Amino acid sequence: MKIVVKDVETGNKLKMDVNKENTIEEIIEEAANYWKKNPGAYVLRIGKKILQAELTVEEALLQEEDVIELIPDPVGGKCLSQKKY
């Protein structure tokens, strides 16, 4: 199934092929890595609904050609890699 992930900070869009078994977390990681962002600081939203990272594409009820938005985590993200100075 093809979906579109939109980076709300830049307006850029990324077309992705996903399977119903893929998780939302995998989509976040793929999109964040593509745009060189920290995946732990972002979530996906469709409409006004934040998609839980552990859900699969099927469980999240995503459909062909859905546009989902990559947004900064409104409750703060986990930092996966910290720079030490």
PDB file of N, CA and C in Angstrom:
ATOM      1  N   MET A   1       0.844  -1.161   0.000  1.00  0.00           N
ATOM      2  CA  MET A   1       0.000   0.000   0.000  1.00  0.00           C
ATOM      3  C   MET A   1       0.898   1.235   0.000  1.00  0.00           C
ATOM      4  N   LYS A   2       0.475   2.255  -0.720  1.00  0.00           N
ATOM      5  CA  LYS A   2       1.237   3.499  -0.778  1.00  0.00           C
ATOM      6  C   LYS A   2       0.586   4.546   0.118  1.00  0.00           C
ATOM      7  N   ILE A   3       1.428   5.211   0.926  1.00  0.00           N
ATOM      8  CA  ILE A   3       0.965   6.326   1.747  1.00  0.00           C
ATOM      9  C   ILE A   3       1.914   7.496   1.507  1.00  0.00           C
ATOM     10  N   VAL A   4       1.521   8.659   1.982  1.00  0.00           N
ATOM     11  CA  VAL A   4       2.361   9.842   1.885  1.00  0.00           C
ATOM     12  C   VAL A   4       2.586  10.368   3.297  1.00  0.00           C
ATOM     13  N   VAL A   5       3.853  10.607   3.638  1.00  0.00           N
ATOM     14  CA  VAL A   5       4.191  11.217   4.924  1.00  0.00           C
ATOM     15  C   VAL A   5       4.591  12.658   4.623  1.00  0.00           C
ATOM     16  N   LYS A   6       3.942  13.595   5.321  1.00  0.00           N
ATOM     17  CA  LYS A   6       4.220  15.018   5.127  1.00  0.00           C
ATOM     18  C   LYS A   6       4.935  15.564   6.354  1.00  0.00           C
ATOM     19  N   ASP A   7       6.061  16.224   6.132  1.00  0.00           N
ATOM     20  CA  ASP A   7       6.804  16.896   7.202  1.00  0.00           C
ATOM     21  C   ASP A   7       6.148  18.259   7.410  1.00  0.00           C
ATOM     22  N   VAL A   8       5.453  18.443   8.528  1.00  0.00           N
ATOM     23  CA  VAL A   8       4.727  19.706   8.740  1.00  0.00           C
ATOM     24  C   VAL A   8       5.665  20.889   8.952  1.00  0.00           C
ATOM     25  N   GLU A   9       6.901  20.633   9.332  1.00  0.00           N
ATOM     26  CA  GLU A   9       7.848  21.732   9.540  1.00  0.00           C
ATOM     27  C   GLU A   9       8.316  22.341   8.220  1.00  0.00           C
ATOM     28  N   THR A  10       8.392  21.528   7.175  1.00  0.00           N
ATOM     29  CA  THR A  10       8.912  22.010   5.891  1.00  0.00           C
ATOM     30  C   THR A  10       7.896  21.933   4.759  1.00  0.00           C
ATOM     31  N   GLY A  11       6.860  21.113   4.935  1.00  0.00           N
ATOM     32  CA  GLY A  11       5.889  20.899   3.863  1.00  0.00           C
ATOM     33  C   GLY A  11       6.317  19.824   2.879  1.00  0.00           C
ATOM     34  N   ASN A  12       7.517  19.263   3.054  1.00  0.00           N
ATOM     35  CA  ASN A  12       8.003  18.214   2.157  1.00  0.00           C
ATOM     36  C   ASN A  12       7.183  16.943   2.337  1.00  0.00           C
ATOM     37  N   LYS A  13       7.066  16.183   1.249  1.00  0.00           N
ATOM     38  CA  LYS A  13       6.303  14.938   1.282  1.00  0.00           C
ATOM     39  C   LYS A  13       7.178  13.779   0.837  1.00  0.00           C
ATOM     40  N   LEU A  14       6.917  12.618   1.438  1.00  0.00           N
ATOM     41  CA  LEU A  14       7.644  11.390   1.130  1.00  0.00           C
ATOM     42  C   LEU A  14       6.626  10.295   0.843  1.00  0.00           C
ATOM     43  N   LYS A  15       6.689   9.725  -0.368  1.00  0.00           N
ATOM     44  CA  LYS A  15       5.809   8.601  -0.697  1.00  0.00           C
ATOM     45  C   LYS A  15       6.469   7.330  -0.190  1.00  0.00           C
ATOM     46  N   MET A  16       5.681   6.497   0.482  1.00  0.00           N
ATOM     47  CA  MET A  16       6.214   5.260   1.052  1.00  0.00           C
ATOM     48  C   MET A  16       5.334   4.077   0.686  1.00  0.00           C
ATOM     49  N   ASP A  17       5.977   2.944   0.440  1.00  0.00           N
ATOM     50  CA  ASP A  17       5.270   1.678   0.290  1.00  0.00           C
ATOM     51  C   ASP A  17       5.316   0.987   1.645  1.00  0.00           C
ATOM     52  N   VAL A  18       4.154   0.659   2.189  1.00  0.00           N
ATOM     53  CA  VAL A  18       4.093  -0.012   3.486  1.00  0.00           C
ATOM     54  C   VAL A  18       3.220  -1.254   3.381  1.00  0.00           C
ATOM     55  N   ASN A  19       3.454  -2.184   4.291  1.00  0.00           N
ATOM     56  CA  ASN A  19       2.617  -3.376   4.416  1.00  0.00           C
ATOM     57  C   ASN A  19       1.732  -3.208   5.630  1.00  0.00           C
ATOM     58  N   LYS A  20       0.667  -3.973   5.694  1.00  0.00           N
ATOM     59  CA  LYS A  20      -0.249  -3.849   6.830  1.00  0.00           C
ATOM     60  C   LYS A  20       0.408  -4.242   8.144  1.00  0.00           C
ATOM     61  N   GLU A  21       1.524  -5.000   8.074  1.00  0.00           N
ATOM     62  CA  GLU A  21       2.231  -5.420   9.284  1.00  0.00           C
ATOM     63  C   GLU A  21       3.230  -4.381   9.784  1.00  0.00           C
ATOM     64  N   ASN A  22       3.580  -3.394   8.942  1.00  0.00           N
ATOM     65  CA  ASN A  22       4.510  -2.350   9.381  1.00  0.00           C
ATOM     66  C   ASN A  22       3.920  -1.580  10.550  1.00  0.00           C
ATOM     67  N   THR A  23       4.797  -1.144  11.459  1.00  0.00           N
ATOM     68  CA  THR A  23       4.314  -0.357  12.599  1.00  0.00           C
ATOM     69  C   THR A  23       4.458   1.133  12.311  1.00  0.00           C
ATOM     70  N   ILE A  24       3.708   1.911  13.059  1.00  0.00           N
ATOM     71  CA  ILE A  24       3.805   3.366  12.958  1.00  0.00           C
ATOM     72  C   ILE A  24       5.227   3.795  13.307  1.00  0.00           C
ATOM     73  N   GLU A  25       5.814   3.144  14.301  1.00  0.00           N
ATOM     74  CA  GLU A  25       7.189   3.462  14.698  1.00  0.00           C
ATOM     75  C   GLU A  25       8.162   3.274  13.535  1.00  0.00           C
ATOM     76  N   GLU A  26       7.984   2.216  12.748  1.00  0.00           N
ATOM     77  CA  GLU A  26       8.850   1.982  11.589  1.00  0.00           C
ATOM     78  C   GLU A  26       8.697   3.093  10.557  1.00  0.00           C
ATOM     79  N   ILE A  27       7.483   3.567  10.370  1.00  0.00           N
ATOM     80  CA  ILE A  27       7.230   4.655   9.421  1.00  0.00           C
ATOM     81  C   ILE A  27       7.894   5.937   9.921  1.00  0.00           C
ATOM     82  N   ILE A  28       7.756   6.222  11.219  1.00  0.00           N
ATOM     83  CA  ILE A  28       8.396   7.406  11.807  1.00  0.00           C
ATOM     84  C   ILE A  28       9.907   7.332  11.598  1.00  0.00           C
ATOM     85  N   GLU A  29      10.500   6.176  11.901  1.00  0.00           N
ATOM     86  CA  GLU A  29      11.951   6.017  11.770  1.00  0.00           C
ATOM     87  C   GLU A  29      12.405   6.225  10.331  1.00  0.00           C
ATOM     88  N   GLU A  30      11.685   5.637   9.393  1.00  0.00           N
ATOM     89  CA  GLU A  30      12.047   5.756   7.979  1.00  0.00           C
ATOM     90  C   GLU A  30      11.973   7.211   7.516  1.00  0.00           C
ATOM     91  N   ALA A  31      10.870   7.886   7.839  1.00  0.00           N
ATOM     92  CA  ALA A  31      10.691   9.277   7.415  1.00  0.00           C
ATOM     93  C   ALA A  31      11.691  10.199   8.113  1.00  0.00           C
ATOM     94  N   ALA A  32      11.873  10.011   9.411  1.00  0.00           N
ATOM     95  CA  ALA A  32      12.809  10.861  10.159  1.00  0.00           C
ATOM     96  C   ALA A  32      14.235  10.680   9.636  1.00  0.00           C
ATOM     97  N   ASN A  33      14.627   9.452   9.379  1.00  0.00           N
ATOM     98  CA  ASN A  33      15.966   9.202   8.839  1.00  0.00           C
ATOM     99  C   ASN A  33      16.125   9.825   7.457  1.00  0.00           C
ATOM    100  N   TYR A  34      15.084   9.749   6.634  1.00  0.00           N
ATOM    101  CA  TYR A  34      15.119  10.334   5.294  1.00  0.00           C
ATOM    102  C   TYR A  34      15.381  11.835   5.373  1.00  0.00           C
ATOM    103  N   TRP A  35      14.714  12.495   6.336  1.00  0.00           N
ATOM    104  CA  TRP A  35      14.860  13.948   6.496  1.00  0.00           C
ATOM    105  C   TRP A  35      15.925  14.314   7.528  1.00  0.00           C
ATOM    106  N   LYS A  36      16.699  13.333   7.985  1.00  0.00           N
ATOM    107  CA  LYS A  36      17.785  13.552   8.952  1.00  0.00           C
ATOM    108  C   LYS A  36      17.288  14.215  10.236  1.00  0.00           C
ATOM    109  N   LYS A  37      16.215  13.663  10.777  1.00  0.00           N
ATOM    110  CA  LYS A  37      15.635  14.134  12.034  1.00  0.00           C
ATOM    111  C   LYS A  37      15.771  13.036  13.085  1.00  0.00           C
ATOM    112  N   ASN A  38      15.620  13.397  14.345  1.00  0.00           N
ATOM    113  CA  ASN A  38      15.656  12.433  15.443  1.00  0.00           C
ATOM    114  C   ASN A  38      14.285  11.759  15.536  1.00  0.00           C
ATOM    115  N   PRO A  39      14.173  10.462  15.201  1.00  0.00           N
ATOM    116  CA  PRO A  39      12.861   9.810  15.200  1.00  0.00           C
ATOM    117  C   PRO A  39      12.168   9.813  16.556  1.00  0.00           C
ATOM    118  N   GLY A  40      12.931   9.868  17.638  1.00  0.00           N
ATOM    119  CA  GLY A  40      12.334   9.861  18.964  1.00  0.00           C
ATOM    120  C   GLY A  40      11.613  11.144  19.325  1.00  0.00           C
ATOM    121  N   ALA A  41      11.807  12.186  18.533  1.00  0.00           N
ATOM    122  CA  ALA A  41      11.200  13.487  18.833  1.00  0.00           C
ATOM    123  C   ALA A  41       9.949  13.758  18.002  1.00  0.00           C
ATOM    124  N   TYR A  42       9.490  12.763  17.239  1.00  0.00           N
ATOM    125  CA  TYR A  42       8.363  12.967  16.325  1.00  0.00           C
ATOM    126  C   TYR A  42       7.292  11.898  16.489  1.00  0.00           C
ATOM    127  N   VAL A  43       6.089  12.261  16.101  1.00  0.00           N
ATOM    128  CA  VAL A  43       4.957  11.337  16.064  1.00  0.00           C
ATOM    129  C   VAL A  43       4.256  11.521  14.729  1.00  0.00           C
ATOM    130  N   LEU A  44       3.367  10.585  14.413  1.00  0.00           N
ATOM    131  CA  LEU A  44       2.557  10.701  13.203  1.00  0.00           C
ATOM    132  C   LEU A  44       1.134  11.053  13.579  1.00  0.00           C
ATOM    133  N   ARG A  45       0.536  11.897  12.750  1.00  0.00           N
ATOM    134  CA  ARG A  45      -0.837  12.335  12.978  1.00  0.00           C
ATOM    135  C   ARG A  45      -1.605  12.178  11.668  1.00  0.00           C
ATOM    136  N   ILE A  46      -2.852  11.729  11.802  1.00  0.00           N
ATOM    137  CA  ILE A  46      -3.759  11.733  10.658  1.00  0.00           C
ATOM    138  C   ILE A  46      -4.998  12.487  11.117  1.00  0.00           C
ATOM    139  N   GLY A  47      -5.288  13.580  10.443  1.00  0.00           N
ATOM    140  CA  GLY A  47      -6.351  14.460  10.916  1.00  0.00           C
ATOM    141  C   GLY A  47      -5.938  15.036  12.259  1.00  0.00           C
ATOM    142  N   LYS A  48      -6.782  14.858  13.268  1.00  0.00           N
ATOM    143  CA  LYS A  48      -6.455  15.339  14.618  1.00  0.00           C
ATOM    144  C   LYS A  48      -6.001  14.210  15.531  1.00  0.00           C
ATOM    145  N   LYS A  49      -5.860  13.013  14.961  1.00  0.00           N
ATOM    146  CA  LYS A  49      -5.529  11.826  15.757  1.00  0.00           C
ATOM    147  C   LYS A  49      -4.033  11.521  15.692  1.00  0.00           C
ATOM    148  N   ILE A  50      -3.399  11.426  16.875  1.00  0.00           N
ATOM    149  CA  ILE A  50      -2.002  10.994  16.972  1.00  0.00           C
ATOM    150  C   ILE A  50      -1.990   9.467  16.914  1.00  0.00           C
ATOM    151  N   LEU A  51      -1.165   8.915  16.034  1.00  0.00           N
ATOM    152  CA  LEU A  51      -1.078   7.461  15.885  1.00  0.00           C
ATOM    153  C   LEU A  51      -0.056   6.901  16.867  1.00  0.00           C
ATOM    154  N   GLN A  52      -0.453   5.915  17.634  1.00  0.00           N
ATOM    155  CA  GLN A  52       0.428   5.289  18.620  1.00  0.00           C
ATOM    156  C   GLN A  52       1.508   4.481  17.901  1.00  0.00           C
ATOM    157  N   ALA A  53       2.745   4.612  18.369  1.00  0.00           N
ATOM    158  CA  ALA A  53       3.905   4.011  17.707  1.00  0.00           C
ATOM    159  C   ALA A  53       3.802   2.497  17.565  1.00  0.00           C
ATOM    160  N   GLU A  54       3.157   1.835  18.534  1.00  0.00           N
ATOM    161  CA  GLU A  54       3.126   0.368  18.505  1.00  0.00           C
ATOM    162  C   GLU A  54       2.060  -0.198  17.571  1.00  0.00           C
ATOM    163  N   LEU A  55       1.176   0.636  17.053  1.00  0.00           N
ATOM    164  CA  LEU A  55       0.128   0.154  16.148  1.00  0.00           C
ATOM    165  C   LEU A  55       0.719  -0.261  14.809  1.00  0.00           C
ATOM    166  N   THR A  56       0.092  -1.253  14.183  1.00  0.00           N
ATOM    167  CA  THR A  56       0.452  -1.601  12.811  1.00  0.00           C
ATOM    168  C   THR A  56      -0.355  -0.714  11.871  1.00  0.00           C
ATOM    169  N   VAL A  57       0.039  -0.717  10.610  1.00  0.00           N
ATOM    170  CA  VAL A  57      -0.702   0.031   9.592  1.00  0.00           C
ATOM    171  C   VAL A  57      -2.160  -0.418   9.586  1.00  0.00           C
ATOM    172  N   GLU A  58      -2.370  -1.726   9.685  1.00  0.00           N
ATOM    173  CA  GLU A  58      -3.727  -2.274   9.692  1.00  0.00           C
ATOM    174  C   GLU A  58      -4.508  -1.799  10.919  1.00  0.00           C
ATOM    175  N   GLU A  59      -3.891  -1.860  12.099  1.00  0.00           N
ATOM    176  CA  GLU A  59      -4.565  -1.442  13.332  1.00  0.00           C
ATOM    177  C   GLU A  59      -4.866   0.055  13.348  1.00  0.00           C
ATOM    178  N   ALA A  60      -4.012   0.840  12.683  1.00  0.00           N
ATOM    179  CA  ALA A  60      -4.215   2.288  12.619  1.00  0.00           C
ATOM    180  C   ALA A  60      -5.256   2.663  11.563  1.00  0.00           C
ATOM    181  N   LEU A  61      -5.736   1.653  10.835  1.00  0.00           N
ATOM    182  CA  LEU A  61      -6.762   1.836   9.799  1.00  0.00           C
ATOM    183  C   LEU A  61      -6.308   2.757   8.668  1.00  0.00           C
ATOM    184  N   LEU A  62      -5.011   2.707   8.351  1.00  0.00           N
ATOM    185  CA  LEU A  62      -4.518   3.511   7.239  1.00  0.00           C
ATOM    186  C   LEU A  62      -5.002   2.912   5.928  1.00  0.00           C
ATOM    187  N   GLN A  63      -5.274   3.783   4.977  1.00  0.00           N
ATOM    188  CA  GLN A  63      -5.774   3.381   3.673  1.00  0.00           C
ATOM    189  C   GLN A  63      -4.800   3.824   2.581  1.00  0.00           C
ATOM    190  N   GLU A  64      -4.918   3.208   1.424  1.00  0.00           N
ATOM    191  CA  GLU A  64      -4.125   3.567   0.250  1.00  0.00           C
ATOM    192  C   GLU A  64      -4.205   5.076   0.012  1.00  0.00           C
ATOM    193  N   GLU A  65      -3.036   5.694  -0.227  1.00  0.00           N
ATOM    194  CA  GLU A  65      -2.904   7.126  -0.534  1.00  0.00           C
ATOM    195  C   GLU A  65      -3.216   8.064   0.634  1.00  0.00           C
ATOM    196  N   ASP A  66      -3.358   7.539   1.862  1.00  0.00           N
ATOM    197  CA  ASP A  66      -3.529   8.425   3.021  1.00  0.00           C
ATOM    198  C   ASP A  66      -2.318   9.346   3.136  1.00  0.00           C
ATOM    199  N   VAL A  67      -2.567  10.578   3.566  1.00  0.00           N
ATOM    200  CA  VAL A  67      -1.493  11.521   3.861  1.00  0.00           C
ATOM    201  C   VAL A  67      -1.429  11.653   5.376  1.00  0.00           C
ATOM    202  N   ILE A  68      -0.309  11.238   5.950  1.00  0.00           N
ATOM    203  CA  ILE A  68      -0.133  11.349   7.397  1.00  0.00           C
ATOM    204  C   ILE A  68       0.984  12.349   7.658  1.00  0.00           C
ATOM    205  N   GLU A  69       0.886  13.048   8.767  1.00  0.00           N
ATOM    206  CA  GLU A  69       1.812  14.136   9.051  1.00  0.00           C
ATOM    207  C   GLU A  69       2.827  13.749  10.121  1.00  0.00           C
ATOM    208  N   LEU A  70       4.087  14.050   9.844  1.00  0.00           N
ATOM    209  CA  LEU A  70       5.163  13.886  10.817  1.00  0.00           C
ATOM    210  C   LEU A  70       5.266  15.201  11.576  1.00  0.00           C
ATOM    211  N   ILE A  71       4.961  15.154  12.875  1.00  0.00           N
ATOM    212  CA  ILE A  71       4.954  16.376  13.684  1.00  0.00           C
ATOM    213  C   ILE A  71       5.855  16.203  14.906  1.00  0.00           C
ATOM    214  N   PRO A  72       6.385  17.312  15.434  1.00  0.00           N
ATOM    215  CA  PRO A  72       7.139  17.201  16.690  1.00  0.00           C
ATOM    216  C   PRO A  72       6.229  16.642  17.777  1.00  0.00           C
ATOM    217  N   ASP A  73       6.762  15.757  18.598  1.00  0.00           N
ATOM    218  CA  ASP A  73       5.981  15.150  19.679  1.00  0.00           C
ATOM    219  C   ASP A  73       5.505  16.249  20.627  1.00  0.00           C
ATOM    220  N   PRO A  74       4.180  16.432  20.746  1.00  0.00           N
ATOM    221  CA  PRO A  74       3.666  17.517  21.585  1.00  0.00           C
ATOM    222  C   PRO A  74       3.952  17.339  23.072  1.00  0.00           C
ATOM    223  N   VAL A  75       4.282  16.125  23.507  1.00  0.00           N
ATOM    224  CA  VAL A  75       4.598  15.898  24.923  1.00  0.00           C
ATOM    225  C   VAL A  75       6.092  15.692  25.137  1.00  0.00           C
ATOM    226  N   GLY A  76       6.870  16.003  24.140  1.00  0.00           N
ATOM    227  CA  GLY A  76       8.323  15.843  24.262  1.00  0.00           C
ATOM    228  C   GLY A  76       8.748  14.480  23.793  1.00  0.00           C
ATOM    229  N   GLY A  77       9.869  14.426  23.115  1.00  0.00           N
ATOM    230  CA  GLY A  77      10.337  13.157  22.574  1.00  0.00           C
ATOM    231  C   GLY A  77      11.462  12.577  23.389  1.00  0.00           C
ATOM    232  N   LYS A  78      11.658  11.303  23.194  1.00  0.00           N
ATOM    233  CA  LYS A  78      12.809  10.658  23.825  1.00  0.00           C
ATOM    234  C   LYS A  78      14.019  10.920  22.943  1.00  0.00           C
ATOM    235  N   CYS A  79      15.102  11.192  23.523  1.00  0.00           N
ATOM    236  CA  CYS A  79      16.316  11.474  22.765  1.00  0.00           C
ATOM    237  C   CYS A  79      17.097  10.174  22.607  1.00  0.00           C
ATOM    238  N   LEU A  80      17.177   9.689  21.382  1.00  0.00           N
ATOM    239  CA  LEU A  80      17.838   8.416  21.142  1.00  0.00           C
ATOM    240  C   LEU A  80      19.354   8.552  21.090  1.00  0.00           C
ATOM    241  N   SER A  81      19.817   9.706  20.651  1.00  0.00           N
ATOM    242  CA  SER A  81      21.262   9.903  20.600  1.00  0.00           C
ATOM    243  C   SER A  81      21.580  11.274  21.173  1.00  0.00           C
ATOM    244  N   GLN A  82      22.394  11.284  22.192  1.00  0.00           N
ATOM    245  CA  GLN A  82      22.768  12.539  22.825  1.00  0.00           C
ATOM    246  C   GLN A  82      24.231  12.816  22.550  1.00  0.00           C
ATOM    247  N   LYS A  83      24.513  14.077  22.240  1.00  0.00           N
ATOM    248  CA  LYS A  83      25.899  14.480  22.055  1.00  0.00           C
ATOM    249  C   LYS A  83      26.488  14.806  23.413  1.00  0.00           C
ATOM    250  N   LYS A  84      27.711  14.357  23.624  1.00  0.00           N
ATOM    251  CA  LYS A  84      28.405  14.671  24.873  1.00  0.00           C
ATOM    252  C   LYS A  84      29.478  15.697  24.564  1.00  0.00           C
ATOM    253  N   TYR A  85      29.519  16.719  25.360  1.00  0.00           N
ATOM    254  CA  TYR A  85      30.475  17.807  25.123  1.00  0.00           C
ATOM    255  C   TYR A  85      31.616  17.746  26.092  1.00  0.00           C
TER     256      TYR A  85
END
